[in-house]
PDB file of N, CA and C in Angstrom:
ATOM      1  N   GLN A   1      -2.591 -10.854 -18.271  1.00  0.00           N
ATOM      2  CA  GLN A   1      -2.020 -10.966 -17.426  1.00  0.00           C
ATOM      3  C   GLN A   1      -2.154 -10.130 -16.265  1.00  0.00           C
ATOM      4  N   VAL A   2      -1.941 -10.131 -14.904  1.00  0.00           N
ATOM      5  CA  VAL A   2      -2.034  -9.390 -13.673  1.00  0.00           C
ATOM      6  C   VAL A   2      -0.747  -9.026 -13.375  1.00  0.00           C
ATOM      7  N   GLN A   3      -1.051  -7.732 -12.911  1.00  0.00           N
ATOM      8  CA  GLN A   3       0.284  -6.847 -12.600  1.00  0.00           C
ATOM      9  C   GLN A   3      -0.038  -6.353 -11.878  1.00  0.00           C
ATOM     10  N   LEU A   4       0.407  -5.901 -10.510  1.00  0.00           N
ATOM     11  CA  LEU A   4       0.963  -4.704  -9.756  1.00  0.00           C
ATOM     12  C   LEU A   4       2.246  -4.838  -9.290  1.00  0.00           C
ATOM     13  N   VAL A   5       2.611  -3.374  -9.887  1.00  0.00           N
ATOM     14  CA  VAL A   5       3.619  -3.030  -9.369  1.00  0.00           C
ATOM     15  C   VAL A   5       3.819  -1.920  -8.393  1.00  0.00           C
ATOM     16  N   GLU A   6       5.119  -2.282  -7.233  1.00  0.00           N
ATOM     17  CA  GLU A   6       4.910  -1.400  -6.396  1.00  0.00           C
ATOM     18  C   GLU A   6       6.358  -0.495  -6.673  1.00  0.00           C
ATOM     19  N   SER A   7       5.972   1.206  -6.245  1.00  0.00           N
ATOM     20  CA  SER A   7       7.500   1.267  -6.297  1.00  0.00           C
ATOM     21  C   SER A   7       7.655   2.868  -5.739  1.00  0.00           C
ATOM     22  N   GLY A   8       8.716   3.497  -5.220  1.00  0.00           N
ATOM     23  CA  GLY A   8       8.506   4.945  -4.399  1.00  0.00           C
ATOM     24  C   GLY A   8       9.322   4.216  -3.112  1.00  0.00           C
ATOM     25  N   GLY A   9       9.340   3.520  -2.561  1.00  0.00           N
ATOM     26  CA  GLY A   9      10.460   2.986  -1.631  1.00  0.00           C
ATOM     27  C   GLY A   9      11.891   3.173  -1.303  1.00  0.00           C
ATOM     28  N   GLY A  10      11.997   3.110  -0.587  1.00  0.00           N
ATOM     29  CA  GLY A  10      13.863   3.740  -0.191  1.00  0.00           C
ATOM     30  C   GLY A  10      14.263   4.050   1.054  1.00  0.00           C
ATOM     31  N   LEU A  11      15.674   4.858   1.195  1.00  0.00           N
ATOM     32  CA  LEU A  11      16.129   5.366   2.117  1.00  0.00           C
ATOM     33  C   LEU A  11      15.459   6.492   2.821  1.00  0.00           C
ATOM     34  N   VAL A  12      15.038   7.135   4.031  1.00  0.00           N
ATOM     35  CA  VAL A  12      14.174   8.213   4.644  1.00  0.00           C
ATOM     36  C   VAL A  12      15.022   8.327   5.751  1.00  0.00           C
ATOM     37  N   GLN A  13      14.793   9.258   6.565  1.00  0.00           N
ATOM     38  CA  GLN A  13      15.502   9.784   7.690  1.00  0.00           C
ATOM     39  C   GLN A  13      14.224   9.593   8.871  1.00  0.00           C
ATOM     40  N   PRO A  14      14.375   9.286  10.061  1.00  0.00           N
ATOM     41  CA  PRO A  14      12.945   9.672  11.180  1.00  0.00           C
ATOM     42  C   PRO A  14      12.257  11.021  10.371  1.00  0.00           C
ATOM     43  N   GLY A  15      11.118  10.988  10.744  1.00  0.00           N
ATOM     44  CA  GLY A  15      10.439  11.934  10.878  1.00  0.00           C
ATOM     45  C   GLY A  15       9.744  12.728   9.443  1.00  0.00           C
ATOM     46  N   GLY A  16      10.652  11.440   8.471  1.00  0.00           N
ATOM     47  CA  GLY A  16      10.302  12.136   6.596  1.00  0.00           C
ATOM     48  C   GLY A  16       9.443  11.709   6.215  1.00  0.00           C
ATOM     49  N   SER A  17       9.209  11.573   4.917  1.00  0.00           N
ATOM     50  CA  SER A  17       8.172  11.406   4.657  1.00  0.00           C
ATOM     51  C   SER A  17       8.355  10.738   3.164  1.00  0.00           C
ATOM     52  N   LEU A  18       7.181   9.554   2.575  1.00  0.00           N
ATOM     53  CA  LEU A  18       7.311   8.793   0.879  1.00  0.00           C
ATOM     54  C   LEU A  18       6.080   8.704   0.824  1.00  0.00           C
ATOM     55  N   LYS A  19       6.055   8.644  -0.594  1.00  0.00           N
ATOM     56  CA  LYS A  19       4.931   8.170  -0.866  1.00  0.00           C
ATOM     57  C   LYS A  19       5.283   7.205  -2.305  1.00  0.00           C
ATOM     58  N   LEU A  20       4.317   5.772  -1.456  1.00  0.00           N
ATOM     59  CA  LEU A  20       4.196   4.335  -2.860  1.00  0.00           C
ATOM     60  C   LEU A  20       3.286   4.724  -3.370  1.00  0.00           C
ATOM     61  N   SER A  21       3.648   3.955  -4.565  1.00  0.00           N
ATOM     62  CA  SER A  21       2.746   3.715  -5.746  1.00  0.00           C
ATOM     63  C   SER A  21       2.638   2.436  -5.863  1.00  0.00           C
ATOM     64  N   CYS A  22       1.363   2.180  -6.638  1.00  0.00           N
ATOM     65  CA  CYS A  22       1.003   0.952  -7.403  1.00  0.00           C
ATOM     66  C   CYS A  22       0.375   0.987  -8.830  1.00  0.00           C
ATOM     67  N   ALA A  23       1.054   0.204  -9.576  1.00  0.00           N
ATOM     68  CA  ALA A  23       0.087   0.609 -10.895  1.00  0.00           C
ATOM     69  C   ALA A  23      -0.374  -1.499 -11.096  1.00  0.00           C
ATOM     70  N   ALA A  24      -1.618  -0.964 -11.293  1.00  0.00           N
ATOM     71  CA  ALA A  24      -2.371  -2.471 -11.665  1.00  0.00           C
ATOM     72  C   ALA A  24      -2.823  -2.369 -13.079  1.00  0.00           C
ATOM     73  N   SER A  25      -2.910  -3.539 -13.325  1.00  0.00           N
ATOM     74  CA  SER A  25      -3.439  -3.943 -14.712  1.00  0.00           C
ATOM     75  C   SER A  25      -3.720  -5.453 -14.816  1.00  0.00           C
ATOM     76  N   GLY A  26      -4.579  -5.619 -15.871  1.00  0.00           N
ATOM     77  CA  GLY A  26      -5.269  -7.107 -16.003  1.00  0.00           C
ATOM     78  C   GLY A  26      -6.167  -7.583 -15.024  1.00  0.00           C
ATOM     79  N   PHE A  27      -6.817  -6.725 -14.224  1.00  0.00           N
ATOM     80  CA  PHE A  27      -8.087  -7.125 -13.834  1.00  0.00           C
ATOM     81  C   PHE A  27      -8.829  -6.039 -13.423  1.00  0.00           C
ATOM     82  N   ASN A  28     -10.346  -6.230 -12.766  1.00  0.00           N
ATOM     83  CA  ASN A  28     -11.175  -4.995 -12.775  1.00  0.00           C
ATOM     84  C   ASN A  28     -10.507  -4.366 -11.739  1.00  0.00           C
ATOM     85  N   PHE A  29      -9.921  -3.524 -11.915  1.00  0.00           N
ATOM     86  CA  PHE A  29      -9.263  -2.253 -10.736  1.00  0.00           C
ATOM     87  C   PHE A  29     -10.484  -1.515  -9.626  1.00  0.00           C
ATOM     88  N   ARG A  30     -11.231  -0.873 -11.016  1.00  0.00           N
ATOM     89  CA  ARG A  30     -12.454   0.014  -9.991  1.00  0.00           C
ATOM     90  C   ARG A  30     -13.286  -1.091  -9.332  1.00  0.00           C
ATOM     91  N   SER A  31     -13.350  -2.445  -9.843  1.00  0.00           N
ATOM     92  CA  SER A  31     -14.367  -3.377  -8.627  1.00  0.00           C
ATOM     93  C   SER A  31     -13.176  -4.002  -7.169  1.00  0.00           C
ATOM     94  N   SER A  32     -12.084  -3.453  -6.953  1.00  0.00           N
ATOM     95  CA  SER A  32     -11.432  -4.437  -6.153  1.00  0.00           C
ATOM     96  C   SER A  32     -11.235  -3.438  -5.258  1.00  0.00           C
ATOM     97  N   VAL A  33     -11.359  -3.844  -3.862  1.00  0.00           N
ATOM     98  CA  VAL A  33     -10.179  -3.401  -2.959  1.00  0.00           C
ATOM     99  C   VAL A  33      -9.210  -3.198  -2.060  1.00  0.00           C
ATOM    100  N   MET A  34      -8.524  -2.293  -2.618  1.00  0.00           N
ATOM    101  CA  MET A  34      -7.040  -2.182  -2.903  1.00  0.00           C
ATOM    102  C   MET A  34      -6.147  -2.101  -1.170  1.00  0.00           C
ATOM    103  N   THR A  35      -5.523  -2.843  -1.521  1.00  0.00           N
ATOM    104  CA  THR A  35      -5.177  -2.756   0.598  1.00  0.00           C
ATOM    105  C   THR A  35      -3.381  -2.902   0.398  1.00  0.00           C
ATOM    106  N   TRP A  36      -2.776  -1.620   1.137  1.00  0.00           N
ATOM    107  CA  TRP A  36      -1.182  -1.894   1.500  1.00  0.00           C
ATOM    108  C   TRP A  36      -0.701  -2.753   2.897  1.00  0.00           C
ATOM    109  N   TYR A  37       0.076  -4.087   2.724  1.00  0.00           N
ATOM    110  CA  TYR A  37       0.254  -4.224   3.776  1.00  0.00           C
ATOM    111  C   TYR A  37       1.736  -4.127   3.819  1.00  0.00           C
ATOM    112  N   ARG A  38       2.127  -4.478   5.567  1.00  0.00           N
ATOM    113  CA  ARG A  38       3.611  -4.681   5.475  1.00  0.00           C
ATOM    114  C   ARG A  38       4.117  -5.818   6.175  1.00  0.00           C
ATOM    115  N   GLN A  39       5.645  -6.282   5.850  1.00  0.00           N
ATOM    116  CA  GLN A  39       6.217  -7.129   6.347  1.00  0.00           C
ATOM    117  C   GLN A  39       7.615  -6.391   7.032  1.00  0.00           C
ATOM    118  N   ALA A  40       7.759  -6.596   7.789  1.00  0.00           N
ATOM    119  CA  ALA A  40       9.092  -6.254   8.658  1.00  0.00           C
ATOM    120  C   ALA A  40      10.341  -7.535   8.714  1.00  0.00           C
ATOM    121  N   PRO A  41      11.010  -7.700   8.896  1.00  0.00           N
ATOM    122  CA  PRO A  41      12.414  -8.113   9.059  1.00  0.00           C
ATOM    123  C   PRO A  41      11.806  -9.537  10.310  1.00  0.00           C
ATOM    124  N   GLY A  42      11.470 -10.321  10.468  1.00  0.00           N
ATOM    125  CA  GLY A  42      11.353 -11.381  11.412  1.00  0.00           C
ATOM    126  C   GLY A  42       9.622 -11.487  12.092  1.00  0.00           C
ATOM    127  N   LYS A  43       8.794 -10.828  11.139  1.00  0.00           N
ATOM    128  CA  LYS A  43       7.466 -10.299  11.719  1.00  0.00           C
ATOM    129  C   LYS A  43       6.750 -10.896  10.455  1.00  0.00           C
ATOM    130  N   GLU A  44       5.274 -10.835  10.947  1.00  0.00           N
ATOM    131  CA  GLU A  44       4.220 -11.411  10.009  1.00  0.00           C
ATOM    132  C   GLU A  44       3.739  -9.966   9.586  1.00  0.00           C
ATOM    133  N   ARG A  45       3.155 -10.128   8.054  1.00  0.00           N
ATOM    134  CA  ARG A  45       2.961  -9.463   7.147  1.00  0.00           C
ATOM    135  C   ARG A  45       1.822  -9.077   7.837  1.00  0.00           C
ATOM    136  N   GLU A  46       1.936  -7.914   7.862  1.00  0.00           N
ATOM    137  CA  GLU A  46       0.114  -6.759   8.505  1.00  0.00           C
ATOM    138  C   GLU A  46      -0.333  -5.714   7.533  1.00  0.00           C
ATOM    139  N   LEU A  47      -2.097  -5.429   7.847  1.00  0.00           N
ATOM    140  CA  LEU A  47      -2.456  -4.567   7.121  1.00  0.00           C
ATOM    141  C   LEU A  47      -2.036  -3.066   7.151  1.00  0.00           C
ATOM    142  N   VAL A  48      -1.660  -2.147   6.346  1.00  0.00           N
ATOM    143  CA  VAL A  48      -1.642  -0.975   6.749  1.00  0.00           C
ATOM    144  C   VAL A  48      -2.930   0.056   6.431  1.00  0.00           C
ATOM    145  N   ALA A  49      -3.268  -0.052   4.883  1.00  0.00           N
ATOM    146  CA  ALA A  49      -4.361   0.598   4.959  1.00  0.00           C
ATOM    147  C   ALA A  49      -5.257   0.290   3.465  1.00  0.00           C
ATOM    148  N   SER A  50      -6.781   0.070   3.596  1.00  0.00           N
ATOM    149  CA  SER A  50      -7.778  -0.403   2.699  1.00  0.00           C
ATOM    150  C   SER A  50      -8.175   0.704   1.913  1.00  0.00           C
ATOM    151  N   ILE A  51      -8.453   0.661   0.920  1.00  0.00           N
ATOM    152  CA  ILE A  51      -9.655   1.778   0.120  1.00  0.00           C
ATOM    153  C   ILE A  51     -10.500   0.569  -0.654  1.00  0.00           C
ATOM    154  N   THR A  52     -11.795   0.944  -0.423  1.00  0.00           N
ATOM    155  CA  THR A  52     -12.865   0.694  -1.542  1.00  0.00           C
ATOM    156  C   THR A  52     -12.637   1.281  -3.080  1.00  0.00           C
ATOM    157  N   GLY A  53     -13.585   0.397  -3.986  1.00  0.00           N
ATOM    158  CA  GLY A  53     -13.362   0.581  -5.029  1.00  0.00           C
ATOM    159  C   GLY A  53     -13.378   1.646  -5.147  1.00  0.00           C
ATOM    160  N   THR A  54     -14.639   2.539  -4.968  1.00  0.00           N
ATOM    161  CA  THR A  54     -15.053   4.095  -5.312  1.00  0.00           C
ATOM    162  C   THR A  54     -13.854   5.000  -4.757  1.00  0.00           C
ATOM    163  N   GLY A  55     -13.200   4.775  -4.005  1.00  0.00           N
ATOM    164  CA  GLY A  55     -12.109   5.554  -2.561  1.00  0.00           C
ATOM    165  C   GLY A  55     -13.204   6.398  -1.805  1.00  0.00           C
ATOM    166  N   GLY A  56     -13.809   5.565  -1.441  1.00  0.00           N
ATOM    167  CA  GLY A  56     -15.381   6.552  -0.615  1.00  0.00           C
ATOM    168  C   GLY A  56     -15.373   5.979   0.969  1.00  0.00           C
ATOM    169  N   SER A  57     -14.259   4.828   0.888  1.00  0.00           N
ATOM    170  CA  SER A  57     -13.823   4.293   2.473  1.00  0.00           C
ATOM    171  C   SER A  57     -12.624   3.480   2.394  1.00  0.00           C
ATOM    172  N   THR A  58     -11.883   4.047   3.667  1.00  0.00           N
ATOM    173  CA  THR A  58     -10.600   3.792   3.719  1.00  0.00           C
ATOM    174  C   THR A  58     -10.200   2.927   5.296  1.00  0.00           C
ATOM    175  N   ASN A  59      -9.481   1.950   5.626  1.00  0.00           N
ATOM    176  CA  ASN A  59      -9.107   1.690   6.623  1.00  0.00           C
ATOM    177  C   ASN A  59      -7.524   1.949   6.903  1.00  0.00           C
ATOM    178  N   TYR A  60      -7.445   1.730   8.136  1.00  0.00           N
ATOM    179  CA  TYR A  60      -6.473   1.880   8.650  1.00  0.00           C
ATOM    180  C   TYR A  60      -5.636   1.385   9.696  1.00  0.00           C
ATOM    181  N   ALA A  61      -4.288   0.452   9.841  1.00  0.00           N
ATOM    182  CA  ALA A  61      -4.029   0.630  11.135  1.00  0.00           C
ATOM    183  C   ALA A  61      -3.904   1.555  11.806  1.00  0.00           C
ATOM    184  N   ASP A  62      -4.294   1.320  13.518  1.00  0.00           N
ATOM    185  CA  ASP A  62      -4.103   1.546  14.650  1.00  0.00           C
ATOM    186  C   ASP A  62      -2.310   2.591  14.696  1.00  0.00           C
ATOM    187  N   SER A  63      -1.436   1.995  14.648  1.00  0.00           N
ATOM    188  CA  SER A  63      -0.183   1.938  14.316  1.00  0.00           C
ATOM    189  C   SER A  63       0.400   3.666  13.089  1.00  0.00           C
ATOM    190  N   VAL A  64      -0.811   3.916  12.091  1.00  0.00           N
ATOM    191  CA  VAL A  64      -0.525   4.504  11.110  1.00  0.00           C
ATOM    192  C   VAL A  64      -1.239   5.656  11.227  1.00  0.00           C
ATOM    193  N   LYS A  65      -2.234   5.594  11.678  1.00  0.00           N
ATOM    194  CA  LYS A  65      -3.722   6.533  11.619  1.00  0.00           C
ATOM    195  C   LYS A  65      -2.957   7.654  11.831  1.00  0.00           C
ATOM    196  N   GLY A  66      -3.445   8.830  11.067  1.00  0.00           N
ATOM    197  CA  GLY A  66      -2.969  10.381  11.853  1.00  0.00           C
ATOM    198  C   GLY A  66      -1.662  10.104  10.597  1.00  0.00           C
ATOM    199  N   ARG A  67      -0.820   9.445  10.320  1.00  0.00           N
ATOM    200  CA  ARG A  67       0.559   9.434   9.312  1.00  0.00           C
ATOM    201  C   ARG A  67       0.489   9.424   8.007  1.00  0.00           C
ATOM    202  N   PHE A  68      -0.280   8.397   7.712  1.00  0.00           N
ATOM    203  CA  PHE A  68      -0.636   7.573   6.273  1.00  0.00           C
ATOM    204  C   PHE A  68      -1.516   7.738   5.931  1.00  0.00           C
ATOM    205  N   ALA A  69      -1.491   8.465   4.660  1.00  0.00           N
ATOM    206  CA  ALA A  69      -2.897   8.338   3.844  1.00  0.00           C
ATOM    207  C   ALA A  69      -2.577   7.341   2.475  1.00  0.00           C
ATOM    208  N   VAL A  70      -3.935   6.460   2.175  1.00  0.00           N
ATOM    209  CA  VAL A  70      -3.997   5.803   1.031  1.00  0.00           C
ATOM    210  C   VAL A  70      -5.150   7.049   0.365  1.00  0.00           C
ATOM    211  N   SER A  71      -4.745   6.413  -1.084  1.00  0.00           N
ATOM    212  CA  SER A  71      -5.659   7.115  -2.160  1.00  0.00           C
ATOM    213  C   SER A  71      -5.440   6.267  -3.550  1.00  0.00           C
ATOM    214  N   ARG A  72      -6.786   6.271  -4.431  1.00  0.00           N
ATOM    215  CA  ARG A  72      -6.360   5.911  -5.711  1.00  0.00           C
ATOM    216  C   ARG A  72      -7.026   6.689  -6.775  1.00  0.00           C
ATOM    217  N   ASP A  73      -6.461   6.802  -7.872  1.00  0.00           N
ATOM    218  CA  ASP A  73      -6.900   7.185  -9.492  1.00  0.00           C
ATOM    219  C   ASP A  73      -7.391   5.752 -10.290  1.00  0.00           C
ATOM    220  N   ASN A  74      -8.595   5.862 -10.248  1.00  0.00           N
ATOM    221  CA  ASN A  74      -9.511   4.714 -11.182  1.00  0.00           C
ATOM    222  C   ASN A  74      -9.303   5.129 -12.411  1.00  0.00           C
ATOM    223  N   ALA A  75      -8.940   6.453 -13.161  1.00  0.00           N
ATOM    224  CA  ALA A  75      -8.317   6.654 -14.211  1.00  0.00           C
ATOM    225  C   ALA A  75      -7.041   5.771 -14.392  1.00  0.00           C
ATOM    226  N   LYS A  76      -6.376   6.099 -13.456  1.00  0.00           N
ATOM    227  CA  LYS A  76      -5.112   5.215 -13.831  1.00  0.00           C
ATOM    228  C   LYS A  76      -4.453   3.934 -13.407  1.00  0.00           C
ATOM    229  N   ASN A  77      -5.378   3.529 -12.521  1.00  0.00           N
ATOM    230  CA  ASN A  77      -5.523   2.340 -12.020  1.00  0.00           C
ATOM    231  C   ASN A  77      -4.546   2.564 -11.481  1.00  0.00           C
ATOM    232  N   MET A  78      -3.841   3.194 -10.612  1.00  0.00           N
ATOM    233  CA  MET A  78      -2.833   3.163  -9.598  1.00  0.00           C
ATOM    234  C   MET A  78      -3.350   3.565  -8.123  1.00  0.00           C
ATOM    235  N   VAL A  79      -2.814   3.416  -6.810  1.00  0.00           N
ATOM    236  CA  VAL A  79      -3.341   3.278  -5.524  1.00  0.00           C
ATOM    237  C   VAL A  79      -1.829   3.631  -5.195  1.00  0.00           C
ATOM    238  N   TYR A  80      -2.370   4.880  -4.049  1.00  0.00           N
ATOM    239  CA  TYR A  80      -0.871   5.170  -3.279  1.00  0.00           C
ATOM    240  C   TYR A  80      -0.827   5.141  -2.218  1.00  0.00           C
ATOM    241  N   LEU A  81       0.493   5.497  -1.200  1.00  0.00           N
ATOM    242  CA  LEU A  81       0.360   5.359   0.217  1.00  0.00           C
ATOM    243  C   LEU A  81       1.271   6.698   0.682  1.00  0.00           C
ATOM    244  N   GLN A  82       0.509   7.181   1.429  1.00  0.00           N
ATOM    245  CA  GLN A  82       1.518   8.768   1.169  1.00  0.00           C
ATOM    246  C   GLN A  82       1.805   8.922   2.874  1.00  0.00           C
ATOM    247  N   MET A  83       2.671   8.364   2.811  1.00  0.00           N
ATOM    248  CA  MET A  83       3.378   8.007   4.673  1.00  0.00           C
ATOM    249  C   MET A  83       4.297   9.363   5.360  1.00  0.00           C
ATOM    250  N   ASN A  84       3.577   9.724   5.759  1.00  0.00           N
ATOM    251  CA  ASN A  84       4.318  11.468   6.632  1.00  0.00           C
ATOM    252  C   ASN A  84       4.533  10.453   8.558  1.00  0.00           C
ATOM    253  N   SER A  85       5.733  11.741   9.011  1.00  0.00           N
ATOM    254  CA  SER A  85       6.632  11.564  10.190  1.00  0.00           C
ATOM    255  C   SER A  85       6.557   9.864  10.097  1.00  0.00           C
ATOM    256  N   LEU A  86       7.542   9.705   9.566  1.00  0.00           N
ATOM    257  CA  LEU A  86       8.218   7.985   9.235  1.00  0.00           C
ATOM    258  C   LEU A  86       8.893   7.733  10.536  1.00  0.00           C
ATOM    259  N   LYS A  87       8.996   6.556  11.280  1.00  0.00           N
ATOM    260  CA  LYS A  87       9.167   6.352  12.684  1.00  0.00           C
ATOM    261  C   LYS A  87      10.050   4.698  11.879  1.00  0.00           C
ATOM    262  N   PRO A  88      11.330   4.476  12.387  1.00  0.00           N
ATOM    263  CA  PRO A  88      12.426   3.387  12.592  1.00  0.00           C
ATOM    264  C   PRO A  88      10.832   2.198  12.495  1.00  0.00           C
ATOM    265  N   GLU A  89      10.080   2.208  13.164  1.00  0.00           N
ATOM    266  CA  GLU A  89       9.101   1.220  13.087  1.00  0.00           C
ATOM    267  C   GLU A  89       8.409   0.869  12.041  1.00  0.00           C
ATOM    268  N   ASP A  90       8.679   1.897  10.982  1.00  0.00           N
ATOM    269  CA  ASP A  90       7.563   1.411   9.926  1.00  0.00           C
ATOM    270  C   ASP A  90       8.601   1.153   8.822  1.00  0.00           C
ATOM    271  N   THR A  91       9.971   0.258   9.154  1.00  0.00           N
ATOM    272  CA  THR A  91      10.803   0.108   8.133  1.00  0.00           C
ATOM    273  C   THR A  91      10.310  -1.553   7.958  1.00  0.00           C
ATOM    274  N   ALA A  92       9.878  -1.481   6.488  1.00  0.00           N
ATOM    275  CA  ALA A  92       9.637  -3.133   6.080  1.00  0.00           C
ATOM    276  C   ALA A  92       9.204  -2.863   4.194  1.00  0.00           C
ATOM    277  N   VAL A  93       9.320  -4.251   3.769  1.00  0.00           N
ATOM    278  CA  VAL A  93       8.982  -4.576   2.687  1.00  0.00           C
ATOM    279  C   VAL A  93       7.198  -4.385   2.699  1.00  0.00           C
ATOM    280  N   TYR A  94       6.598  -3.350   1.521  1.00  0.00           N
ATOM    281  CA  TYR A  94       5.384  -2.544   1.254  1.00  0.00           C
ATOM    282  C   TYR A  94       4.485  -3.160   0.040  1.00  0.00           C
ATOM    283  N   TYR A  95       4.013  -4.252   0.528  1.00  0.00           N
ATOM    284  CA  TYR A  95       2.779  -4.680  -0.441  1.00  0.00           C
ATOM    285  C   TYR A  95       1.502  -4.252  -1.269  1.00  0.00           C
ATOM    286  N   CYS A  96       1.306  -4.397  -2.044  1.00  0.00           N
ATOM    287  CA  CYS A  96       0.031  -3.897  -2.724  1.00  0.00           C
ATOM    288  C   CYS A  96      -0.600  -4.425  -2.792  1.00  0.00           C
ATOM    289  N   ASN A  97      -2.248  -5.179  -2.616  1.00  0.00           N
ATOM    290  CA  ASN A  97      -2.913  -6.103  -2.684  1.00  0.00           C
ATOM    291  C   ASN A  97      -4.269  -5.831  -3.529  1.00  0.00           C
ATOM    292  N   ALA A  98      -4.640  -6.896  -3.941  1.00  0.00           N
ATOM    293  CA  ALA A  98      -5.864  -6.333  -4.856  1.00  0.00           C
ATOM    294  C   ALA A  98      -6.828  -7.719  -4.581  1.00  0.00           C
ATOM    295  N   ASP A  99      -8.357  -7.123  -4.145  1.00  0.00           N
ATOM    296  CA  ASP A  99      -9.108  -8.033  -3.688  1.00  0.00           C
ATOM    297  C   ASP A  99     -10.018  -7.897  -4.564  1.00  0.00           C
ATOM    298  N   TRP A 100     -10.462  -8.673  -5.646  1.00  0.00           N
ATOM    299  CA  TRP A 100     -11.188  -8.630  -6.831  1.00  0.00           C
ATOM    300  C   TRP A 100     -12.967  -9.434  -5.936  1.00  0.00           C
ATOM    301  N   VAL A 101     -13.283  -8.555  -5.144  1.00  0.00           N
ATOM    302  CA  VAL A 101     -14.236  -9.477  -4.651  1.00  0.00           C
ATOM    303  C   VAL A 101     -15.356 -10.243  -5.151  1.00  0.00           C
ATOM    304  N   VAL A 102     -16.016  -9.693  -6.113  1.00  0.00           N
ATOM    305  CA  VAL A 102     -17.159 -10.435  -6.573  1.00  0.00           C
ATOM    306  C   VAL A 102     -16.320 -11.598  -7.207  1.00  0.00           C
ATOM    307  N   ILE A 103     -15.487 -11.641  -7.642  1.00  0.00           N
ATOM    308  CA  ILE A 103     -15.313 -13.271  -8.367  1.00  0.00           C
ATOM    309  C   ILE A 103     -13.708 -13.886  -7.612  1.00  0.00           C
ATOM    310  N   SER A 104     -13.944 -13.208  -5.890  1.00  0.00           N
ATOM    311  CA  SER A 104     -12.890 -14.142  -5.028  1.00  0.00           C
ATOM    312  C   SER A 104     -11.817 -14.576  -5.103  1.00  0.00           C
ATOM    313  N   ARG A 105     -11.407 -13.430  -6.417  1.00  0.00           N
ATOM    314  CA  ARG A 105      -9.558 -13.148  -6.747  1.00  0.00           C
ATOM    315  C   ARG A 105      -8.815 -12.010  -6.089  1.00  0.00           C
ATOM    316  N   ASN A 106      -7.700 -12.451  -5.530  1.00  0.00           N
ATOM    317  CA  ASN A 106      -7.002 -11.606  -4.893  1.00  0.00           C
ATOM    318  C   ASN A 106      -5.218 -11.958  -5.458  1.00  0.00           C
ATOM    319  N   TYR A 107      -5.210 -10.513  -5.762  1.00  0.00           N
ATOM    320  CA  TYR A 107      -3.822 -10.723  -5.868  1.00  0.00           C
ATOM    321  C   TYR A 107      -2.911  -9.567  -5.382  1.00  0.00           C
ATOM    322  N   TRP A 108      -0.920 -10.439  -5.722  1.00  0.00           N
ATOM    323  CA  TRP A 108      -0.161  -9.300  -4.743  1.00  0.00           C
ATOM    324  C   TRP A 108       0.688  -8.818  -5.868  1.00  0.00           C
ATOM    325  N   GLY A 109       1.270  -8.059  -4.974  1.00  0.00           N
ATOM    326  CA  GLY A 109       2.412  -7.257  -6.035  1.00  0.00           C
ATOM    327  C   GLY A 109       3.457  -7.560  -5.120  1.00  0.00           C
ATOM    328  N   GLN A 110       5.020  -7.159  -6.023  1.00  0.00           N
ATOM    329  CA  GLN A 110       6.217  -8.161  -5.557  1.00  0.00           C
ATOM    330  C   GLN A 110       6.527  -7.606  -4.313  1.00  0.00           C
ATOM    331  N   GLY A 111       6.451  -5.764  -4.205  1.00  0.00           N
ATOM    332  CA  GLY A 111       7.115  -5.519  -2.799  1.00  0.00           C
ATOM    333  C   GLY A 111       8.100  -4.297  -3.238  1.00  0.00           C
ATOM    334  N   THR A 112       8.151  -3.399  -2.084  1.00  0.00           N
ATOM    335  CA  THR A 112       8.843  -2.363  -2.222  1.00  0.00           C
ATOM    336  C   THR A 112       9.727  -2.058  -0.943  1.00  0.00           C
ATOM    337  N   LEU A 113      11.207  -1.459  -0.556  1.00  0.00           N
ATOM    338  CA  LEU A 113      11.640  -1.684   0.748  1.00  0.00           C
ATOM    339  C   LEU A 113      11.730  -0.577   1.501  1.00  0.00           C
ATOM    340  N   VAL A 114      10.756  -0.299   2.538  1.00  0.00           N
ATOM    341  CA  VAL A 114      11.042   1.021   2.880  1.00  0.00           C
ATOM    342  C   VAL A 114      12.328   0.698   4.295  1.00  0.00           C
ATOM    343  N   THR A 115      12.818   1.633   3.959  1.00  0.00           N
ATOM    344  CA  THR A 115      13.763   2.003   5.380  1.00  0.00           C
ATOM    345  C   THR A 115      14.140   3.284   6.430  1.00  0.00           C
ATOM    346  N   VAL A 116      13.334   3.239   6.999  1.00  0.00           N
ATOM    347  CA  VAL A 116      13.123   4.210   8.070  1.00  0.00           C
ATOM    348  C   VAL A 116      14.836   4.124   8.850  1.00  0.00           C
ATOM    349  N   SER A 117      15.855   5.131   8.373  1.00  0.00           N
ATOM    350  CA  SER A 117      17.119   4.938   9.768  1.00  0.00           C
ATOM    351  C   SER A 117      17.393   6.430   9.634  1.00  0.00           C
ATOM    352  N   SER A 118      18.462   7.211  10.516  1.00  0.00           N
ATOM    353  CA  SER A 118      18.982   8.188  10.135  1.00  0.00           C
ATOM    354  C   SER A 118      20.913   7.616   9.900  1.00  0.00           C
TER     355      SER A 118
END
């Protein structure tokens, strides 16, 4: 059974930091591109950051470049999103996504809410 379980969300003040985690199981994690998406109230889901299976390549939305960092630990089947210098516009539900490219399978977690507010 495929599972993606996000954790680490919460309420943080502007300028603060949070680290999101996503625990993966039930599929070939090492062969999957892992991506963090987010969806703010009333807006479409958008890509935040992605990382290839080896961790050798990353990609970021322009809005988070220089503030967020995606990483993964293939030994633990974990992917992380370190978020620094948070802004109110970063408020959203953050989702973990796995793209097992070779067999064209795509999986989603249930999301974790991040609220940036004073």
